[in-house]
């Protein structure tokens, strides 16, 4: 692993990594601990904040009103089909 970390990772994965990818293995010592932070957001979206509409759709809080075409968060009354804002 320390001699050729890229080859070791490729062997473990069973596939080759892209040519431009560099793999570095570092052995910790008794007095040094290494923390590795990702350089790009792993969640996708380029690190941008979700819009209110995107948040509502993920949270399941939105109701689409076919009559108005609105996607605003609403409460549906169980007694009828009426949508209450």
C-alpha atoms as a PDB file:
ATOM      1  CA  UNK A   1       0.000   0.000   0.000  1.00  0.00           C
ATOM      2  CA  UNK A   2       2.738   2.496   0.894  1.00  0.00           C
ATOM      3  CA  UNK A   3       4.944   1.584  -2.082  1.00  0.00           C
ATOM      4  CA  UNK A   4       2.254   1.856  -4.789  1.00  0.00           C
ATOM      5  CA  UNK A   5      -1.038   3.059  -3.300  1.00  0.00           C
ATOM      6  CA  UNK A   6      -2.755   3.571  -6.664  1.00  0.00           C
ATOM      7  CA  UNK A   7      -2.062  -0.026  -7.720  1.00  0.00           C
ATOM      8  CA  UNK A   8      -3.271  -1.291  -4.330  1.00  0.00           C
ATOM      9  CA  UNK A   9      -6.558   0.629  -4.621  1.00  0.00           C
ATOM     10  CA  UNK A  10      -7.041  -0.511  -8.232  1.00  0.00           C
ATOM     11  CA  UNK A  11      -6.450  -4.121  -7.198  1.00  0.00           C
ATOM     12  CA  UNK A  12      -8.983  -3.815  -4.359  1.00  0.00           C
ATOM     13  CA  UNK A  13     -11.571  -2.179  -6.637  1.00  0.00           C
ATOM     14  CA  UNK A  14     -10.937  -4.587  -9.483  1.00  0.00           C
ATOM     15  CA  UNK A  15     -10.692  -1.731 -11.979  1.00  0.00           C
ATOM     16  CA  UNK A  16      -8.293   0.964 -13.101  1.00  0.00           C
ATOM     17  CA  UNK A  17      -8.532   4.524 -11.860  1.00  0.00           C
ATOM     18  CA  UNK A  18      -8.426   7.368 -14.406  1.00  0.00           C
ATOM     19  CA  UNK A  19      -4.929   8.411 -15.535  1.00  0.00           C
ATOM     20  CA  UNK A  20      -5.097  11.819 -13.816  1.00  0.00           C
ATOM     21  CA  UNK A  21      -6.097  10.425 -10.406  1.00  0.00           C
ATOM     22  CA  UNK A  22      -3.332  10.361  -7.820  1.00  0.00           C
ATOM     23  CA  UNK A  23      -3.528   8.135  -4.729  1.00  0.00           C
ATOM     24  CA  UNK A  24      -1.383   8.985  -1.719  1.00  0.00           C
ATOM     25  CA  UNK A  25      -0.992   6.700   1.301  1.00  0.00           C
ATOM     26  CA  UNK A  26       0.317   8.212   4.518  1.00  0.00           C
ATOM     27  CA  UNK A  27       1.185   6.194   7.599  1.00  0.00           C
ATOM     28  CA  UNK A  28       0.194   7.830  10.877  1.00  0.00           C
ATOM     29  CA  UNK A  29       2.646   8.031  13.736  1.00  0.00           C
ATOM     30  CA  UNK A  30       2.096   8.050  17.471  1.00  0.00           C
ATOM     31  CA  UNK A  31       2.109  11.845  17.509  1.00  0.00           C
ATOM     32  CA  UNK A  32       0.508  12.695  14.147  1.00  0.00           C
ATOM     33  CA  UNK A  33      -3.051  12.047  12.983  1.00  0.00           C
ATOM     34  CA  UNK A  34      -4.107  12.923   9.438  1.00  0.00           C
ATOM     35  CA  UNK A  35      -7.599  14.106   8.537  1.00  0.00           C
ATOM     36  CA  UNK A  36      -8.620  14.085   4.884  1.00  0.00           C
ATOM     37  CA  UNK A  37     -11.311  16.489   3.772  1.00  0.00           C
ATOM     38  CA  UNK A  38     -12.941  16.193   0.349  1.00  0.00           C
ATOM     39  CA  UNK A  39     -11.984  18.991  -2.023  1.00  0.00           C
ATOM     40  CA  UNK A  40     -15.413  19.099  -3.679  1.00  0.00           C
ATOM     41  CA  UNK A  41     -18.871  18.591  -2.182  1.00  0.00           C
ATOM     42  CA  UNK A  42     -19.819  14.919  -2.273  1.00  0.00           C
ATOM     43  CA  UNK A  43     -23.588  15.554  -2.102  1.00  0.00           C
ATOM     44  CA  UNK A  44     -23.793  16.912  -5.627  1.00  0.00           C
ATOM     45  CA  UNK A  45     -25.306  20.173  -6.793  1.00  0.00           C
ATOM     46  CA  UNK A  46     -21.950  21.933  -6.777  1.00  0.00           C
ATOM     47  CA  UNK A  47     -22.370  22.933  -3.143  1.00  0.00           C
ATOM     48  CA  UNK A  48     -25.233  25.323  -3.862  1.00  0.00           C
ATOM     49  CA  UNK A  49     -28.120  25.720  -1.457  1.00  0.00           C
ATOM     50  CA  UNK A  50     -31.427  24.098  -2.357  1.00  0.00           C
ATOM     51  CA  UNK A  51     -34.287  26.396  -3.292  1.00  0.00           C
ATOM     52  CA  UNK A  52     -37.411  26.461  -1.099  1.00  0.00           C
ATOM     53  CA  UNK A  53     -39.233  24.397  -3.723  1.00  0.00           C
ATOM     54  CA  UNK A  54     -36.429  21.802  -3.806  1.00  0.00           C
ATOM     55  CA  UNK A  55     -36.414  21.603  -0.001  1.00  0.00           C
ATOM     56  CA  UNK A  56     -40.181  21.116   0.099  1.00  0.00           C
ATOM     57  CA  UNK A  57     -40.063  18.338  -2.490  1.00  0.00           C
ATOM     58  CA  UNK A  58     -37.318  16.525  -0.579  1.00  0.00           C
ATOM     59  CA  UNK A  59     -39.111  16.977   2.744  1.00  0.00           C
ATOM     60  CA  UNK A  60     -42.412  15.836   1.252  1.00  0.00           C
ATOM     61  CA  UNK A  61     -44.179  18.944   2.513  1.00  0.00           C
ATOM     62  CA  UNK A  62     -45.450  20.174  -0.803  1.00  0.00           C
ATOM     63  CA  UNK A  63     -48.852  19.473  -2.338  1.00  0.00           C
ATOM     64  CA  UNK A  64     -49.496  20.113  -6.003  1.00  0.00           C
ATOM     65  CA  UNK A  65     -52.859  21.803  -6.568  1.00  0.00           C
ATOM     66  CA  UNK A  66     -54.101  20.642  -9.988  1.00  0.00           C
ATOM     67  CA  UNK A  67     -56.690  23.443 -10.053  1.00  0.00           C
ATOM     68  CA  UNK A  68     -54.220  26.298  -9.703  1.00  0.00           C
ATOM     69  CA  UNK A  69     -50.963  24.610 -10.734  1.00  0.00           C
ATOM     70  CA  UNK A  70     -49.486  25.747  -7.425  1.00  0.00           C
ATOM     71  CA  UNK A  71     -46.735  23.738  -5.727  1.00  0.00           C
ATOM     72  CA  UNK A  72     -46.896  25.676  -2.477  1.00  0.00           C
ATOM     73  CA  UNK A  73     -46.893  23.935   0.861  1.00  0.00           C
ATOM     74  CA  UNK A  74     -50.481  23.309   1.849  1.00  0.00           C
ATOM     75  CA  UNK A  75     -52.507  21.312   4.310  1.00  0.00           C
ATOM     76  CA  UNK A  76     -55.114  18.990   2.872  1.00  0.00           C
ATOM     77  CA  UNK A  77     -58.232  18.754   4.980  1.00  0.00           C
ATOM     78  CA  UNK A  78     -59.152  15.094   5.672  1.00  0.00           C
ATOM     79  CA  UNK A  79     -62.849  15.973   5.651  1.00  0.00           C
ATOM     80  CA  UNK A  80     -62.917  17.051   2.003  1.00  0.00           C
ATOM     81  CA  UNK A  81     -60.789  17.570  -1.083  1.00  0.00           C
ATOM     82  CA  UNK A  82     -60.265  21.212  -0.250  1.00  0.00           C
ATOM     83  CA  UNK A  83     -56.732  22.566  -0.037  1.00  0.00           C
ATOM     84  CA  UNK A  84     -56.199  25.003   2.808  1.00  0.00           C
ATOM     85  CA  UNK A  85     -53.291  27.458   2.560  1.00  0.00           C
END
